[in-house]
C-alpha atoms as a PDB file:
ATOM      1  CA  MET A   1      -0.072  -2.629 -17.466  1.00  0.00           C
ATOM      2  CA  VAL A   2      -1.140  -1.771 -13.877  1.00  0.00           C
ATOM      3  CA  LYS A   3      -4.721  -2.813 -14.756  1.00  0.00           C
ATOM      4  CA  ALA A   4      -3.510  -6.110 -15.814  1.00  0.00           C
ATOM      5  CA  ALA A   5      -1.544  -6.640 -12.648  1.00  0.00           C
ATOM      6  CA  ILE A   6      -4.635  -5.707 -10.621  1.00  0.00           C
ATOM      7  CA  LEU A   7      -6.741  -8.027 -12.715  1.00  0.00           C
ATOM      8  CA  PHE A   8      -4.498 -11.027 -12.159  1.00  0.00           C
ATOM      9  CA  LEU A   9      -4.354 -10.181  -8.420  1.00  0.00           C
ATOM     10  CA  ILE A  10      -8.090 -10.173  -8.207  1.00  0.00           C
ATOM     11  CA  ILE A  11      -8.250 -13.470 -10.173  1.00  0.00           C
ATOM     12  CA  ALA A  12      -5.702 -14.915  -7.724  1.00  0.00           C
ATOM     13  CA  ILE A  13      -7.712 -13.843  -4.696  1.00  0.00           C
ATOM     14  CA  ILE A  14     -11.050 -15.110  -6.027  1.00  0.00           C
ATOM     15  CA  ALA A  15      -9.390 -18.488  -7.088  1.00  0.00           C
ATOM     16  CA  GLY A  16      -7.825 -18.700  -3.632  1.00  0.00           C
ATOM     17  CA  ILE A  17     -11.170 -18.348  -2.010  1.00  0.00           C
ATOM     18  CA  PHE A  18     -12.700 -21.100  -4.040  1.00  0.00           C
ATOM     19  CA  GLY A  19      -9.565 -23.363  -3.682  1.00  0.00           C
ATOM     20  CA  PHE A  20      -8.200 -23.536  -7.232  1.00  0.00           C
ATOM     21  CA  PHE A  21      -4.501 -23.721  -6.134  1.00  0.00           C
ATOM     22  CA  GLY A  22      -3.209 -24.171  -9.690  1.00  0.00           C
ATOM     23  CA  ILE A  23      -4.907 -21.095 -10.969  1.00  0.00           C
ATOM     24  CA  VAL A  24      -3.762 -19.130  -7.845  1.00  0.00           C
ATOM     25  CA  SER A  25      -0.083 -19.856  -8.316  1.00  0.00           C
ATOM     26  CA  ALA A  26      -0.330 -18.968 -12.046  1.00  0.00           C
ATOM     27  CA  ALA A  27      -2.228 -15.703 -11.516  1.00  0.00           C
ATOM     28  CA  VAL A  28       0.060 -14.574  -8.692  1.00  0.00           C
ATOM     29  CA  GLY A  29       3.110 -15.297 -10.765  1.00  0.00           C
ATOM     30  CA  ILE A  30       1.881 -13.230 -13.622  1.00  0.00           C
ATOM     31  CA  ALA A  31       0.738 -10.428 -11.223  1.00  0.00           C
ATOM     32  CA  LYS A  32       4.262 -10.440  -9.684  1.00  0.00           C
ATOM     33  CA  ILE A  33       5.936 -10.177 -13.128  1.00  0.00           C
ATOM     34  CA  LEU A  34       3.656  -7.426 -14.273  1.00  0.00           C
ATOM     35  CA  PHE A  35       4.168  -5.452 -11.030  1.00  0.00           C
ATOM     36  CA  VAL A  36       7.909  -5.690 -11.289  1.00  0.00           C
ATOM     37  CA  ILE A  37       7.853  -4.579 -14.922  1.00  0.00           C
ATOM     38  CA  PHE A  38       5.581  -1.674 -14.002  1.00  0.00           C
ATOM     39  CA  LEU A  39       7.838  -0.706 -11.077  1.00  0.00           C
ATOM     40  CA  ILE A  40      10.927  -0.712 -13.426  1.00  0.00           C
ATOM     41  CA  LEU A  41       9.199   1.367 -16.099  1.00  0.00           C
ATOM     42  CA  PHE A  42       7.903   3.874 -13.392  1.00  0.00           C
ATOM     43  CA  VAL A  43      11.421   4.345 -11.969  1.00  0.00           C
ATOM     44  CA  VAL A  44      12.865   4.822 -15.406  1.00  0.00           C
ATOM     45  CA  SER A  45      10.219   7.361 -16.328  1.00  0.00           C
ATOM     46  CA  LEU A  46      10.923   9.251 -13.058  1.00  0.00           C
ATOM     47  CA  ILE A  47      14.597   9.320 -13.934  1.00  0.00           C
ATOM     48  CA  PHE A  48      14.323  10.187 -17.648  1.00  0.00           C
ATOM     49  CA  GLY A  49      10.993  12.026 -17.687  1.00  0.00           C
ATOM     50  CA  ARG A  50      12.086  15.051 -15.691  1.00  0.00           C
ATOM     51  CA  ARG A  51      14.743  16.256 -18.125  1.00  0.00           C
ATOM     52  CA  LYS A  52      14.222  19.544 -19.707  1.00  0.00           C
ATOM     53  CA  SER A  53      14.610  19.615 -23.527  1.00  0.00           C
ATOM     54  CA  TYR A  54      16.730  22.634 -24.619  1.00  0.00           C
END
């Protein structure tokens, strides 16, 4: 999922350089959503992943 967020970020940067503003806003929006989802899953895995199974 991080790879997808990075991919959309790169697409947004390249599109921004060439001036495709519609593509930029779409790619940035998708990258932000994927980043937030990744961040939430990372925090959940930190909280629940450290438990010892008895």
